[in-house]
N, C-alpha and C. Protein backbone atom coordinates (compact mmCIF):
# COMPACT_ATOMS: atom_id res chain seq x y z
N MET A 1 102.67 126.99 105.98
CA MET A 1 103.47 127.88 105.15
C MET A 1 104.82 128.19 105.80
N ASN A 2 104.89 128.19 107.13
CA ASN A 2 106.15 128.50 107.82
C ASN A 2 106.91 127.25 108.25
N GLU A 3 106.43 126.06 107.82
CA GLU A 3 107.13 124.83 108.16
C GLU A 3 108.43 124.73 107.37
N VAL A 4 109.46 124.19 108.00
CA VAL A 4 110.78 124.07 107.37
C VAL A 4 110.69 123.31 106.06
N ASP A 5 110.00 122.19 106.07
CA ASP A 5 109.94 121.36 104.86
C ASP A 5 109.31 122.12 103.70
N HIS A 6 108.30 122.93 103.98
CA HIS A 6 107.68 123.76 102.95
C HIS A 6 108.67 124.81 102.44
N LEU A 7 109.39 125.44 103.36
CA LEU A 7 110.33 126.51 102.99
C LEU A 7 111.57 125.96 102.27
N LEU A 8 111.93 124.72 102.52
CA LEU A 8 113.03 124.12 101.79
C LEU A 8 112.62 123.83 100.34
N GLU A 9 111.36 123.50 100.16
CA GLU A 9 110.85 123.21 98.83
C GLU A 9 110.49 124.48 98.06
N HIS A 10 109.98 125.47 98.77
CA HIS A 10 109.58 126.75 98.16
C HIS A 10 110.41 127.85 98.82
N ARG A 11 111.57 128.13 98.24
CA ARG A 11 112.52 129.08 98.83
C ARG A 11 111.84 130.43 99.10
N PHE A 12 112.20 131.04 100.21
CA PHE A 12 111.62 132.30 100.65
C PHE A 12 111.72 133.38 99.59
N GLU A 13 112.86 133.47 98.92
CA GLU A 13 113.06 134.53 97.93
C GLU A 13 112.13 134.39 96.72
N THR A 14 111.55 133.20 96.51
CA THR A 14 110.65 133.01 95.37
C THR A 14 109.18 133.28 95.73
N LEU A 15 108.89 133.47 97.00
CA LEU A 15 107.51 133.71 97.43
C LEU A 15 107.08 135.14 97.10
N SER A 16 105.78 135.34 97.01
CA SER A 16 105.25 136.68 96.80
C SER A 16 105.47 137.50 98.07
N LEU A 17 105.43 138.80 97.96
CA LEU A 17 105.61 139.67 99.12
C LEU A 17 104.57 139.34 100.19
N GLU A 18 103.34 139.12 99.76
CA GLU A 18 102.26 138.79 100.70
C GLU A 18 102.59 137.50 101.47
N ASP A 19 103.07 136.48 100.75
CA ASP A 19 103.42 135.22 101.40
C ASP A 19 104.63 135.38 102.32
N LYS A 20 105.61 136.18 101.90
CA LYS A 20 106.78 136.42 102.75
C LYS A 20 106.36 137.09 104.05
N LEU A 21 105.48 138.06 103.96
CA LEU A 21 105.01 138.75 105.16
C LEU A 21 104.23 137.81 106.07
N GLU A 22 103.49 136.88 105.47
CA GLU A 22 102.75 135.90 106.26
C GLU A 22 103.70 134.94 106.97
N VAL A 23 104.75 134.51 106.29
CA VAL A 23 105.76 133.63 106.91
C VAL A 23 106.40 134.36 108.09
N LYS A 24 106.73 135.63 107.91
CA LYS A 24 107.32 136.40 109.01
C LYS A 24 106.34 136.52 110.16
N ARG A 25 105.07 136.81 109.85
CA ARG A 25 104.06 136.96 110.90
C ARG A 25 103.90 135.66 111.69
N LEU A 26 103.88 134.53 110.99
CA LEU A 26 103.73 133.23 111.66
C LEU A 26 104.93 132.88 112.52
N GLY A 27 106.12 133.29 112.08
CA GLY A 27 107.34 132.99 112.82
C GLY A 27 107.76 131.54 112.66
N PRO A 28 108.77 131.13 113.41
CA PRO A 28 109.28 129.76 113.29
C PRO A 28 108.24 128.72 113.73
N HIS A 29 108.14 127.68 112.95
CA HIS A 29 107.25 126.56 113.29
C HIS A 29 107.95 125.72 114.36
N HIS A 30 107.21 125.38 115.40
CA HIS A 30 107.77 124.59 116.50
C HIS A 30 106.98 123.29 116.64
N PRO A 31 107.30 122.31 115.80
CA PRO A 31 106.58 121.03 115.89
C PRO A 31 106.86 120.34 117.22
N ARG A 32 105.84 119.72 117.76
CA ARG A 32 105.98 119.06 119.07
C ARG A 32 106.53 117.65 118.96
N ASP A 33 106.23 116.96 117.89
CA ASP A 33 106.67 115.58 117.74
C ASP A 33 107.66 115.49 116.59
N ILE A 34 108.92 115.83 116.87
CA ILE A 34 109.93 115.89 115.83
C ILE A 34 110.58 114.55 115.60
N GLY A 35 110.81 113.82 116.66
CA GLY A 35 111.45 112.52 116.53
C GLY A 35 112.94 112.58 116.32
N ILE A 36 113.57 113.67 116.74
CA ILE A 36 115.03 113.78 116.62
C ILE A 36 115.64 113.08 117.83
N SER A 37 116.42 112.05 117.55
CA SER A 37 117.11 111.34 118.63
C SER A 37 118.46 110.87 118.13
N GLN A 38 119.30 110.52 119.08
CA GLN A 38 120.67 110.12 118.75
C GLN A 38 121.11 109.07 119.76
N THR A 39 121.66 107.99 119.26
CA THR A 39 122.14 106.92 120.13
C THR A 39 123.65 107.04 120.29
N ALA A 40 124.08 106.99 121.55
CA ALA A 40 125.52 107.02 121.86
C ALA A 40 125.78 105.90 122.86
N GLY A 41 126.22 104.77 122.34
CA GLY A 41 126.43 103.60 123.21
C GLY A 41 125.08 103.10 123.71
N LYS A 42 124.94 103.07 125.02
CA LYS A 42 123.67 102.64 125.62
C LYS A 42 122.72 103.81 125.84
N ASN A 43 123.22 105.01 125.67
CA ASN A 43 122.41 106.20 125.91
C ASN A 43 121.69 106.65 124.65
N ILE A 44 120.47 107.13 124.84
CA ILE A 44 119.71 107.71 123.74
C ILE A 44 119.38 109.15 124.11
N ARG A 45 119.83 110.05 123.26
CA ARG A 45 119.50 111.46 123.44
C ARG A 45 118.30 111.78 122.56
N ALA A 46 117.35 112.53 123.11
CA ALA A 46 116.19 112.95 122.34
C ALA A 46 116.07 114.47 122.45
N PHE A 47 115.66 115.10 121.36
CA PHE A 47 115.50 116.55 121.36
C PHE A 47 114.37 116.93 122.30
N ASN A 48 114.64 117.93 123.13
CA ASN A 48 113.66 118.44 124.07
C ASN A 48 113.04 119.70 123.48
N VAL A 49 111.72 119.69 123.27
CA VAL A 49 111.04 120.83 122.63
C VAL A 49 111.12 122.11 123.47
N GLU A 50 111.59 122.02 124.70
CA GLU A 50 111.78 123.23 125.52
C GLU A 50 112.83 124.16 124.92
N TRP A 51 113.68 123.61 124.03
CA TRP A 51 114.66 124.45 123.33
C TRP A 51 113.96 125.55 122.54
N PHE A 52 112.77 125.27 122.02
CA PHE A 52 112.03 126.25 121.23
C PHE A 52 111.69 127.49 122.07
N ALA A 53 111.42 127.30 123.34
CA ALA A 53 111.12 128.43 124.23
C ALA A 53 112.40 129.21 124.56
N LYS A 54 113.53 128.50 124.63
CA LYS A 54 114.80 129.15 124.95
C LYS A 54 115.36 129.93 123.77
N LYS A 55 115.21 129.37 122.58
CA LYS A 55 115.77 129.97 121.35
C LYS A 55 114.64 130.16 120.36
N LYS A 56 114.09 131.35 120.33
CA LYS A 56 112.91 131.64 119.50
C LYS A 56 113.19 131.44 118.01
N TRP A 57 114.44 131.55 117.58
CA TRP A 57 114.79 131.40 116.17
C TRP A 57 114.89 129.94 115.73
N LEU A 58 114.90 129.03 116.68
CA LEU A 58 115.07 127.61 116.38
C LEU A 58 113.78 127.01 115.81
N THR A 59 113.93 126.20 114.79
CA THR A 59 112.81 125.50 114.19
C THR A 59 113.30 124.12 113.76
N ALA A 60 112.40 123.29 113.27
CA ALA A 60 112.80 121.91 112.94
C ALA A 60 112.04 121.37 111.74
N SER A 61 112.70 120.46 111.05
CA SER A 61 112.10 119.74 109.94
C SER A 61 111.68 118.37 110.43
N ILE A 62 110.41 118.06 110.24
CA ILE A 62 109.90 116.74 110.64
C ILE A 62 110.43 115.68 109.68
N GLN A 63 110.45 115.99 108.39
CA GLN A 63 110.92 115.02 107.39
C GLN A 63 112.41 114.72 107.55
N LYS A 64 113.22 115.75 107.73
CA LYS A 64 114.67 115.56 107.84
C LYS A 64 115.12 115.19 109.25
N LYS A 65 114.20 115.35 110.22
CA LYS A 65 114.55 115.12 111.63
C LYS A 65 115.81 115.91 111.98
N ALA A 66 115.73 117.22 111.70
CA ALA A 66 116.88 118.09 111.90
C ALA A 66 116.41 119.47 112.34
N LEU A 67 117.33 120.20 112.97
CA LEU A 67 117.05 121.55 113.46
C LEU A 67 117.56 122.59 112.48
N PHE A 68 116.87 123.72 112.44
CA PHE A 68 117.22 124.81 111.54
C PHE A 68 117.10 126.14 112.27
N CYS A 69 117.76 127.14 111.70
CA CYS A 69 117.64 128.52 112.17
C CYS A 69 116.65 129.21 111.25
N PHE A 70 115.56 129.73 111.80
CA PHE A 70 114.51 130.33 110.99
C PHE A 70 115.02 131.52 110.15
N PRO A 71 115.71 132.51 110.73
CA PRO A 71 116.21 133.61 109.88
C PRO A 71 117.17 133.14 108.80
N CYS A 72 118.04 132.18 109.12
CA CYS A 72 119.02 131.68 108.13
C CYS A 72 118.34 130.82 107.07
N LEU A 73 117.30 130.12 107.44
CA LEU A 73 116.51 129.35 106.48
C LEU A 73 115.88 130.29 105.46
N LEU A 74 115.39 131.43 105.92
CA LEU A 74 114.73 132.38 105.03
C LEU A 74 115.71 133.15 104.15
N PHE A 75 116.81 133.61 104.75
CA PHE A 75 117.71 134.52 104.04
C PHE A 75 119.03 133.88 103.63
N GLY A 76 119.22 132.60 103.93
CA GLY A 76 120.41 131.89 103.47
C GLY A 76 121.54 131.90 104.47
N GLY A 77 122.40 130.93 104.35
CA GLY A 77 123.57 130.81 105.20
C GLY A 77 124.81 130.75 104.33
N SER A 78 125.94 131.01 104.94
CA SER A 78 127.18 130.93 104.16
C SER A 78 128.22 130.16 104.97
N GLY A 79 129.17 129.60 104.28
CA GLY A 79 130.23 128.84 104.96
C GLY A 79 129.65 127.67 105.73
N GLY A 80 130.10 127.51 106.98
CA GLY A 80 129.62 126.45 107.84
C GLY A 80 128.19 126.63 108.29
N GLU A 81 127.64 127.81 108.06
CA GLU A 81 126.28 128.09 108.50
C GLU A 81 125.23 127.44 107.60
N VAL A 82 125.65 126.84 106.51
CA VAL A 82 124.71 126.16 105.61
C VAL A 82 123.97 125.05 106.36
N THR A 83 124.61 124.50 107.36
CA THR A 83 123.96 123.46 108.17
C THR A 83 122.65 123.97 108.75
N TRP A 84 122.64 125.19 109.25
CA TRP A 84 121.46 125.75 109.90
C TRP A 84 120.42 126.26 108.91
N SER A 85 120.80 126.39 107.63
CA SER A 85 119.88 126.97 106.66
C SER A 85 119.44 126.01 105.55
N ARG A 86 120.19 124.95 105.29
CA ARG A 86 119.88 124.07 104.16
C ARG A 86 119.79 122.58 104.54
N THR A 87 120.79 122.10 105.26
CA THR A 87 120.85 120.65 105.53
C THR A 87 120.24 120.26 106.87
N GLY A 88 120.34 121.14 107.84
CA GLY A 88 119.80 120.86 109.17
C GLY A 88 120.85 120.34 110.12
N TYR A 89 120.66 120.62 111.40
CA TYR A 89 121.60 120.22 112.44
C TYR A 89 121.01 119.03 113.20
N LYS A 90 121.82 117.97 113.41
CA LYS A 90 121.32 116.74 114.04
C LYS A 90 122.11 116.28 115.26
N ASP A 91 123.25 116.87 115.53
CA ASP A 91 124.13 116.39 116.60
C ASP A 91 123.66 116.92 117.96
N LEU A 92 122.85 116.12 118.65
CA LEU A 92 122.28 116.55 119.92
C LEU A 92 123.32 116.65 121.03
N LYS A 93 124.38 115.88 120.94
CA LYS A 93 125.42 115.90 121.97
C LYS A 93 126.06 117.28 122.07
N HIS A 94 126.26 117.93 120.94
CA HIS A 94 126.93 119.23 120.92
C HIS A 94 125.97 120.38 120.65
N LEU A 95 124.68 120.15 120.82
CA LEU A 95 123.66 121.14 120.46
C LEU A 95 123.86 122.48 121.18
N SER A 96 124.05 122.43 122.47
CA SER A 96 124.17 123.67 123.25
C SER A 96 125.32 124.55 122.76
N GLU A 97 126.49 123.96 122.59
CA GLU A 97 127.64 124.74 122.14
C GLU A 97 127.50 125.20 120.70
N ARG A 98 126.87 124.39 119.84
CA ARG A 98 126.69 124.78 118.43
C ARG A 98 125.65 125.90 118.31
N ILE A 99 124.64 125.87 119.15
CA ILE A 99 123.65 126.96 119.16
C ILE A 99 124.33 128.26 119.57
N THR A 100 125.13 128.21 120.62
CA THR A 100 125.85 129.40 121.08
C THR A 100 126.76 129.94 119.98
N LYS A 101 127.47 129.04 119.32
CA LYS A 101 128.37 129.45 118.24
C LYS A 101 127.58 130.04 117.07
N HIS A 102 126.48 129.39 116.70
CA HIS A 102 125.70 129.87 115.56
C HIS A 102 125.09 131.24 115.83
N GLU A 103 124.50 131.42 117.00
CA GLU A 103 123.79 132.68 117.22
C GLU A 103 124.73 133.88 117.40
N SER A 104 126.02 133.62 117.50
CA SER A 104 126.98 134.73 117.54
C SER A 104 127.71 134.89 116.20
N SER A 105 127.35 134.08 115.21
CA SER A 105 128.00 134.16 113.91
C SER A 105 127.49 135.38 113.13
N ASN A 106 128.34 135.92 112.28
CA ASN A 106 127.96 137.07 111.45
C ASN A 106 126.76 136.74 110.57
N SER A 107 126.76 135.54 110.02
CA SER A 107 125.68 135.13 109.13
C SER A 107 124.33 135.15 109.86
N HIS A 108 124.28 134.57 111.04
CA HIS A 108 123.03 134.54 111.82
C HIS A 108 122.60 135.95 112.21
N LEU A 109 123.54 136.75 112.69
CA LEU A 109 123.20 138.11 113.11
C LEU A 109 122.67 138.93 111.94
N ASP A 110 123.30 138.78 110.78
CA ASP A 110 122.86 139.49 109.58
C ASP A 110 121.45 139.04 109.17
N ASN A 111 121.22 137.73 109.17
CA ASN A 111 119.91 137.21 108.77
C ASN A 111 118.82 137.55 109.78
N ALA A 112 119.16 137.56 111.06
CA ALA A 112 118.19 137.95 112.09
C ALA A 112 117.80 139.42 111.90
N MET A 113 118.78 140.26 111.57
CA MET A 113 118.50 141.67 111.32
C MET A 113 117.62 141.82 110.07
N LYS A 114 117.94 141.08 109.01
CA LYS A 114 117.13 141.14 107.80
C LYS A 114 115.68 140.76 108.09
N LEU A 115 115.49 139.71 108.88
CA LEU A 115 114.14 139.27 109.22
C LEU A 115 113.43 140.33 110.05
N GLY A 116 114.13 140.91 111.00
CA GLY A 116 113.53 141.94 111.85
C GLY A 116 113.09 143.17 111.06
N LEU A 117 113.88 143.52 110.05
CA LEU A 117 113.58 144.71 109.25
C LEU A 117 112.65 144.43 108.07
N PHE A 118 112.51 143.15 107.72
CA PHE A 118 111.71 142.81 106.55
C PHE A 118 110.27 143.29 106.71
N GLY A 119 109.78 143.98 105.70
CA GLY A 119 108.39 144.46 105.72
C GLY A 119 108.20 145.79 106.39
N ARG A 120 109.25 146.30 106.99
CA ARG A 120 109.16 147.62 107.62
C ARG A 120 109.45 148.69 106.59
N VAL A 121 109.01 149.89 106.88
CA VAL A 121 109.21 151.01 105.97
C VAL A 121 110.69 151.39 105.95
N ASN A 122 111.22 151.57 104.75
CA ASN A 122 112.61 151.99 104.58
C ASN A 122 112.66 153.51 104.62
N VAL A 123 113.06 154.06 105.75
CA VAL A 123 113.06 155.51 105.97
C VAL A 123 114.00 156.21 104.99
N ALA A 124 115.15 155.63 104.70
CA ALA A 124 116.12 156.27 103.80
C ALA A 124 115.51 156.47 102.41
N VAL A 125 114.78 155.48 101.92
CA VAL A 125 114.15 155.59 100.60
C VAL A 125 113.08 156.67 100.63
N GLN A 126 112.31 156.71 101.71
CA GLN A 126 111.26 157.72 101.83
C GLN A 126 111.84 159.13 101.89
N ILE A 127 112.92 159.31 102.62
CA ILE A 127 113.56 160.63 102.72
C ILE A 127 114.08 161.07 101.36
N THR A 128 114.72 160.15 100.65
CA THR A 128 115.22 160.46 99.31
C THR A 128 114.08 160.86 98.39
N ALA A 129 112.99 160.13 98.43
CA ALA A 129 111.83 160.44 97.59
C ALA A 129 111.22 161.78 97.97
N LEU A 130 111.10 162.04 99.26
CA LEU A 130 110.53 163.31 99.72
C LEU A 130 111.45 164.48 99.37
N THR A 131 112.74 164.29 99.52
CA THR A 131 113.70 165.33 99.18
C THR A 131 113.62 165.64 97.69
N GLY A 132 113.57 164.59 96.87
CA GLY A 132 113.46 164.77 95.42
C GLY A 132 112.17 165.46 95.05
N ALA A 133 111.06 165.09 95.71
CA ALA A 133 109.77 165.72 95.43
C ALA A 133 109.79 167.19 95.84
N ALA A 134 110.44 167.50 96.97
CA ALA A 134 110.55 168.89 97.43
C ALA A 134 111.36 169.73 96.45
N VAL A 135 112.48 169.19 95.98
CA VAL A 135 113.33 169.91 95.00
C VAL A 135 112.52 170.13 93.73
N MET A 136 111.79 169.11 93.32
CA MET A 136 111.00 169.20 92.09
C MET A 136 109.92 170.27 92.22
N SER A 137 109.28 170.34 93.38
CA SER A 137 108.21 171.33 93.53
C SER A 137 108.77 172.73 93.62
N ILE A 138 109.97 172.88 94.13
CA ILE A 138 110.60 174.21 94.22
C ILE A 138 111.15 174.64 92.87
N THR A 139 111.85 173.78 92.19
CA THR A 139 112.52 174.16 90.95
C THR A 139 111.71 173.82 89.71
N GLY A 140 110.72 172.96 89.87
CA GLY A 140 109.92 172.56 88.73
C GLY A 140 110.56 171.43 87.93
N LYS A 141 111.68 170.91 88.38
CA LYS A 141 112.31 169.79 87.70
C LYS A 141 113.06 168.90 88.69
N TRP A 142 113.25 167.68 88.31
CA TRP A 142 113.96 166.70 89.15
C TRP A 142 115.46 166.85 88.96
N ARG A 143 116.19 166.91 90.03
CA ARG A 143 117.64 167.04 89.94
C ARG A 143 118.29 165.72 90.09
């Protein structure tokens, strides 16, 4: 359920609340045999799964052989960040610098915050409801 390929086919916003909470609980899928590699002249670069331990938000698509950002995959990307949320990142030569750039982007920070807060109690809504209920019990009507 938390695999990239599944989430690309079944967008997060279309899932039931129960399924969304399960995807969040499971966290990013970290497949061990991704097969992401890149040839540069005589050199072959291969993705090292140790990146998953370094960057907890990083995930990968086995079908697309590409890397994704888990929070951005769930909540969407904008501008250049679409690479991390829809198409996938494949350039292993520049991976380190692109990861650094992505994780400091407004889009990533916003989506990481959304994921962190998703499913938690919204205190502002509860306070408003409690305040309204208190006014109603005192005055006998809703203001």
